[in-house]
Amino acid sequence: IQCTARGSPAPYINWRLNWGHICRDGYDNGRCQISQSIDSSDPSLVTGTLTIRNVNNNDAGAYSCEALNNQ
């Protein structure tokens, strides 16, 4: 799943499942990975990617992303 956000400074993209945290504390046994990249031609534009391997019924729900920065 991908999410794009723009901000100054460039935001960090955080992911949630059913409005709770996802990909933390090892709850997913390492199946979940979060990455993000900054657009080389527009440093205020960030694309976040959420990858879940070996998807199962417990992964069903409402996924959302939120853009955070320190401003």
C-alpha atoms as a PDB file:
ATOM      1  CA  ILE A   1       0.000   0.000   0.000  1.00  0.00           C
ATOM      2  CA  GLN A   2       1.348   3.466  -0.796  1.00  0.00           C
ATOM      3  CA  CYS A   3       0.583   6.913   0.601  1.00  0.00           C
ATOM      4  CA  THR A   4       1.917  10.254  -0.603  1.00  0.00           C
ATOM      5  CA  ALA A   5       2.147  13.426   1.480  1.00  0.00           C
ATOM      6  CA  ARG A   6       3.718  16.844   1.145  1.00  0.00           C
ATOM      7  CA  GLY A   7       5.023  19.112   3.881  1.00  0.00           C
ATOM      8  CA  SER A   8       7.801  21.338   5.066  1.00  0.00           C
ATOM      9  CA  PRO A   9       9.818  19.848   6.526  1.00  0.00           C
ATOM     10  CA  ALA A  10       9.171  16.587   4.679  1.00  0.00           C
ATOM     11  CA  PRO A  11       6.804  14.472   6.791  1.00  0.00           C
ATOM     12  CA  TYR A  12       7.234  11.006   8.261  1.00  0.00           C
ATOM     13  CA  ILE A  13       4.432   8.669   7.165  1.00  0.00           C
ATOM     14  CA  ASN A  14       2.952   6.552   9.950  1.00  0.00           C
ATOM     15  CA  TRP A  15       0.636   3.597   9.243  1.00  0.00           C
ATOM     16  CA  ARG A  16      -2.367   2.375  11.228  1.00  0.00           C
ATOM     17  CA  LEU A  17      -4.671  -0.627  11.104  1.00  0.00           C
ATOM     18  CA  ASN A  18      -8.139  -0.075  12.565  1.00  0.00           C
ATOM     19  CA  TRP A  19      -6.798   3.188  14.037  1.00  0.00           C
ATOM     20  CA  GLY A  20      -4.139   1.350  16.065  1.00  0.00           C
ATOM     21  CA  HIS A  21      -0.427   1.076  15.388  1.00  0.00           C
ATOM     22  CA  ILE A  22       0.905  -1.406  12.873  1.00  0.00           C
ATOM     23  CA  CYS A  23       4.390  -2.831  12.280  1.00  0.00           C
ATOM     24  CA  ARG A  24       5.669  -2.268  15.773  1.00  0.00           C
ATOM     25  CA  ASP A  25       6.730  -4.363  18.719  1.00  0.00           C
ATOM     26  CA  GLY A  26       7.191  -7.401  16.465  1.00  0.00           C
ATOM     27  CA  TYR A  27       3.519  -8.365  16.753  1.00  0.00           C
ATOM     28  CA  ASP A  28       3.553  -9.473  13.126  1.00  0.00           C
ATOM     29  CA  ASN A  29       6.633 -11.746  13.422  1.00  0.00           C
ATOM     30  CA  GLY A  30       8.541  -9.625  10.915  1.00  0.00           C
ATOM     31  CA  ARG A  31       5.962  -9.886   8.105  1.00  0.00           C
ATOM     32  CA  CYS A  32       5.406  -6.132   8.031  1.00  0.00           C
ATOM     33  CA  GLN A  33       7.753  -3.529   6.563  1.00  0.00           C
ATOM     34  CA  ILE A  34       7.463   0.262   6.337  1.00  0.00           C
ATOM     35  CA  SER A  35       9.615   2.372   4.034  1.00  0.00           C
ATOM     36  CA  GLN A  36       9.489   5.858   2.624  1.00  0.00           C
ATOM     37  CA  SER A  37      11.231   7.856  -0.061  1.00  0.00           C
ATOM     38  CA  ILE A  38      11.595  11.554  -0.759  1.00  0.00           C
ATOM     39  CA  ASP A  39      11.036  12.753  -4.322  1.00  0.00           C
ATOM     40  CA  SER A  40      14.405  13.869  -5.719  1.00  0.00           C
ATOM     41  CA  SER A  41      12.824  16.723  -7.692  1.00  0.00           C
ATOM     42  CA  ASP A  42      10.542  17.866  -4.835  1.00  0.00           C
ATOM     43  CA  PRO A  43      12.006  17.320  -1.338  1.00  0.00           C
ATOM     44  CA  SER A  44       8.678  18.213   0.295  1.00  0.00           C
ATOM     45  CA  LEU A  45       6.979  15.184  -1.341  1.00  0.00           C
ATOM     46  CA  VAL A  46       7.231  11.835   0.474  1.00  0.00           C
ATOM     47  CA  THR A  47       5.870   8.447  -0.571  1.00  0.00           C
ATOM     48  CA  GLY A  48       5.391   5.880   2.169  1.00  0.00           C
ATOM     49  CA  THR A  49       4.999   2.176   1.462  1.00  0.00           C
ATOM     50  CA  LEU A  50       3.514  -0.493   3.712  1.00  0.00           C
ATOM     51  CA  THR A  51       4.292  -4.107   2.777  1.00  0.00           C
ATOM     52  CA  ILE A  52       2.782  -7.119   4.528  1.00  0.00           C
ATOM     53  CA  ARG A  53       4.019 -10.562   3.553  1.00  0.00           C
ATOM     54  CA  ASN A  54       2.003 -13.763   3.980  1.00  0.00           C
ATOM     55  CA  VAL A  55      -1.284 -11.902   4.417  1.00  0.00           C
ATOM     56  CA  ASN A  56      -3.893 -13.673   6.544  1.00  0.00           C
ATOM     57  CA  ASN A  57      -7.374 -12.978   7.970  1.00  0.00           C
ATOM     58  CA  ASN A  58      -5.900 -11.121  10.953  1.00  0.00           C
ATOM     59  CA  ASP A  59      -4.614  -8.467   8.538  1.00  0.00           C
ATOM     60  CA  ALA A  60      -8.142  -7.465   7.468  1.00  0.00           C
ATOM     61  CA  GLY A  61      -9.405  -4.024   8.456  1.00  0.00           C
ATOM     62  CA  ALA A  62      -9.179  -0.308   7.780  1.00  0.00           C
ATOM     63  CA  TYR A  63      -5.663   0.809   6.864  1.00  0.00           C
ATOM     64  CA  SER A  64      -4.745   4.478   7.035  1.00  0.00           C
ATOM     65  CA  CYS A  65      -1.650   6.618   6.839  1.00  0.00           C
ATOM     66  CA  GLU A  66      -0.883   9.861   8.597  1.00  0.00           C
ATOM     67  CA  ALA A  67       1.788  12.400   7.751  1.00  0.00           C
ATOM     68  CA  LEU A  68       3.735  13.760  10.721  1.00  0.00           C
ATOM     69  CA  ASN A  69       6.450  16.364  10.973  1.00  0.00           C
ATOM     70  CA  ASN A  70       8.017  18.377  13.752  1.00  0.00           C
ATOM     71  CA  GLN A  71       6.526  21.741  12.761  1.00  0.00           C
END
